[in-house]
Amino acid sequence: MEMILDGVKLMVVGMVTVYIFLMIMVYCMNVMAKILAPIVAKFEKSATKPTLPASGDDSLRAAAAAVAFHENSK
């Protein structure tokens, strides 16, 4: 019975250690994102949205269907 309790204690210590590590990692990632945001803004290209096909244009669907048919007919 003593070995089972030791195993449970070890499991709890390990899980707490991993949880603390993950919390520290998330905090550091958020801090780095805030620090690097001004630098990234300098290097980003101007945000131009690509033109989307018209809602009545079925050429994209036709191309996807052709690719799917070709892949499944092998």
C-alpha atoms as a PDB file:
ATOM      1  CA  MET A   1       0.000   0.000   0.000  1.00  0.00           C
ATOM      2  CA  GLU A   2       2.906   2.322   0.735  1.00  0.00           C
ATOM      3  CA  MET A   3       4.270   1.962  -2.798  1.00  0.00           C
ATOM      4  CA  ILE A   4       0.885   2.897  -4.264  1.00  0.00           C
ATOM      5  CA  LEU A   5       0.795   6.084  -2.185  1.00  0.00           C
ATOM      6  CA  ASP A   6       4.350   6.902  -3.261  1.00  0.00           C
ATOM      7  CA  GLY A   7       3.284   6.405  -6.880  1.00  0.00           C
ATOM      8  CA  VAL A   8       0.281   8.680  -6.448  1.00  0.00           C
ATOM      9  CA  LYS A   9       2.459  11.350  -4.817  1.00  0.00           C
ATOM     10  CA  LEU A  10       4.956  11.124  -7.661  1.00  0.00           C
ATOM     11  CA  MET A  11       2.148  11.352 -10.214  1.00  0.00           C
ATOM     12  CA  VAL A  12       0.688  14.453  -8.561  1.00  0.00           C
ATOM     13  CA  VAL A  13       4.103  16.125  -8.343  1.00  0.00           C
ATOM     14  CA  GLY A  14       4.736  15.361 -12.019  1.00  0.00           C
ATOM     15  CA  MET A  15       1.356  16.673 -13.139  1.00  0.00           C
ATOM     16  CA  VAL A  16       1.740  19.864 -11.113  1.00  0.00           C
ATOM     17  CA  THR A  17       5.219  20.383 -12.536  1.00  0.00           C
ATOM     18  CA  VAL A  18       3.963  20.019 -16.109  1.00  0.00           C
ATOM     19  CA  TYR A  19       1.015  22.339 -15.432  1.00  0.00           C
ATOM     20  CA  ILE A  20       3.288  25.028 -13.966  1.00  0.00           C
ATOM     21  CA  PHE A  21       5.685  24.701 -16.895  1.00  0.00           C
ATOM     22  CA  LEU A  22       2.840  25.099 -19.384  1.00  0.00           C
ATOM     23  CA  MET A  23       1.496  28.160 -17.578  1.00  0.00           C
ATOM     24  CA  ILE A  24       4.955  29.767 -17.611  1.00  0.00           C
ATOM     25  CA  MET A  25       5.332  28.948 -21.309  1.00  0.00           C
ATOM     26  CA  VAL A  26       1.965  30.550 -22.190  1.00  0.00           C
ATOM     27  CA  TYR A  27       2.873  33.651 -20.162  1.00  0.00           C
ATOM     28  CA  CYS A  28       6.250  33.951 -21.916  1.00  0.00           C
ATOM     29  CA  MET A  29       4.632  33.528 -25.332  1.00  0.00           C
ATOM     30  CA  ASN A  30       2.148  36.309 -24.576  1.00  0.00           C
ATOM     31  CA  VAL A  31       4.945  38.604 -23.372  1.00  0.00           C
ATOM     32  CA  MET A  32       7.005  37.890 -26.496  1.00  0.00           C
ATOM     33  CA  ALA A  33       3.988  38.588 -28.709  1.00  0.00           C
ATOM     34  CA  LYS A  34       3.539  41.994 -27.070  1.00  0.00           C
ATOM     35  CA  ILE A  35       7.245  42.787 -27.338  1.00  0.00           C
ATOM     36  CA  LEU A  36       7.545  41.746 -30.977  1.00  0.00           C
ATOM     37  CA  ALA A  37       4.291  43.294 -32.243  1.00  0.00           C
ATOM     38  CA  PRO A  38       5.870  46.674 -33.152  1.00  0.00           C
ATOM     39  CA  ILE A  39       8.762  44.966 -34.917  1.00  0.00           C
ATOM     40  CA  VAL A  40       6.446  42.720 -36.923  1.00  0.00           C
ATOM     41  CA  ALA A  41       4.338  45.706 -37.947  1.00  0.00           C
ATOM     42  CA  LYS A  42       7.381  47.268 -39.620  1.00  0.00           C
ATOM     43  CA  PHE A  43       8.049  44.188 -41.743  1.00  0.00           C
ATOM     44  CA  GLU A  44       4.488  43.317 -42.699  1.00  0.00           C
ATOM     45  CA  LYS A  45       3.441  44.056 -46.206  1.00  0.00           C
ATOM     46  CA  SER A  46       0.426  46.193 -46.777  1.00  0.00           C
ATOM     47  CA  ALA A  47      -2.655  44.111 -46.204  1.00  0.00           C
ATOM     48  CA  THR A  48      -4.368  43.646 -49.526  1.00  0.00           C
ATOM     49  CA  LYS A  49      -7.155  41.136 -49.622  1.00  0.00           C
ATOM     50  CA  PRO A  50      -7.146  38.830 -52.613  1.00  0.00           C
ATOM     51  CA  THR A  51     -10.148  39.096 -54.837  1.00  0.00           C
ATOM     52  CA  LEU A  52     -12.656  36.376 -54.191  1.00  0.00           C
ATOM     53  CA  PRO A  53     -14.556  34.733 -57.011  1.00  0.00           C
ATOM     54  CA  ALA A  54     -18.115  35.877 -57.512  1.00  0.00           C
ATOM     55  CA  SER A  55     -20.786  33.900 -55.697  1.00  0.00           C
ATOM     56  CA  GLY A  56     -22.226  32.672 -59.007  1.00  0.00           C
ATOM     57  CA  ASP A  57     -18.816  31.493 -60.247  1.00  0.00           C
ATOM     58  CA  ASP A  58     -18.635  27.703 -60.053  1.00  0.00           C
ATOM     59  CA  SER A  59     -15.181  27.327 -61.592  1.00  0.00           C
ATOM     60  CA  LEU A  60     -13.539  26.822 -58.182  1.00  0.00           C
ATOM     61  CA  ARG A  61     -16.017  24.099 -57.278  1.00  0.00           C
ATOM     62  CA  ALA A  62     -15.550  22.463 -60.659  1.00  0.00           C
ATOM     63  CA  ALA A  63     -11.778  22.441 -60.217  1.00  0.00           C
ATOM     64  CA  ALA A  64     -12.087  20.914 -56.738  1.00  0.00           C
ATOM     65  CA  ALA A  65     -14.472  18.253 -58.040  1.00  0.00           C
ATOM     66  CA  ALA A  66     -12.103  17.439 -60.917  1.00  0.00           C
ATOM     67  CA  VAL A  67      -9.161  17.033 -58.544  1.00  0.00           C
ATOM     68  CA  ALA A  68     -11.206  14.859 -56.183  1.00  0.00           C
ATOM     69  CA  PHE A  69     -12.419  12.682 -59.041  1.00  0.00           C
ATOM     70  CA  HIS A  70      -8.902  12.327 -60.408  1.00  0.00           C
ATOM     71  CA  GLU A  71      -7.490  11.346 -56.990  1.00  0.00           C
ATOM     72  CA  ASN A  72     -10.236   8.797 -56.338  1.00  0.00           C
ATOM     73  CA  SER A  73     -10.064   7.180 -59.770  1.00  0.00           C
ATOM     74  CA  LYS A  74      -6.472   5.993 -59.333  1.00  0.00           C
END
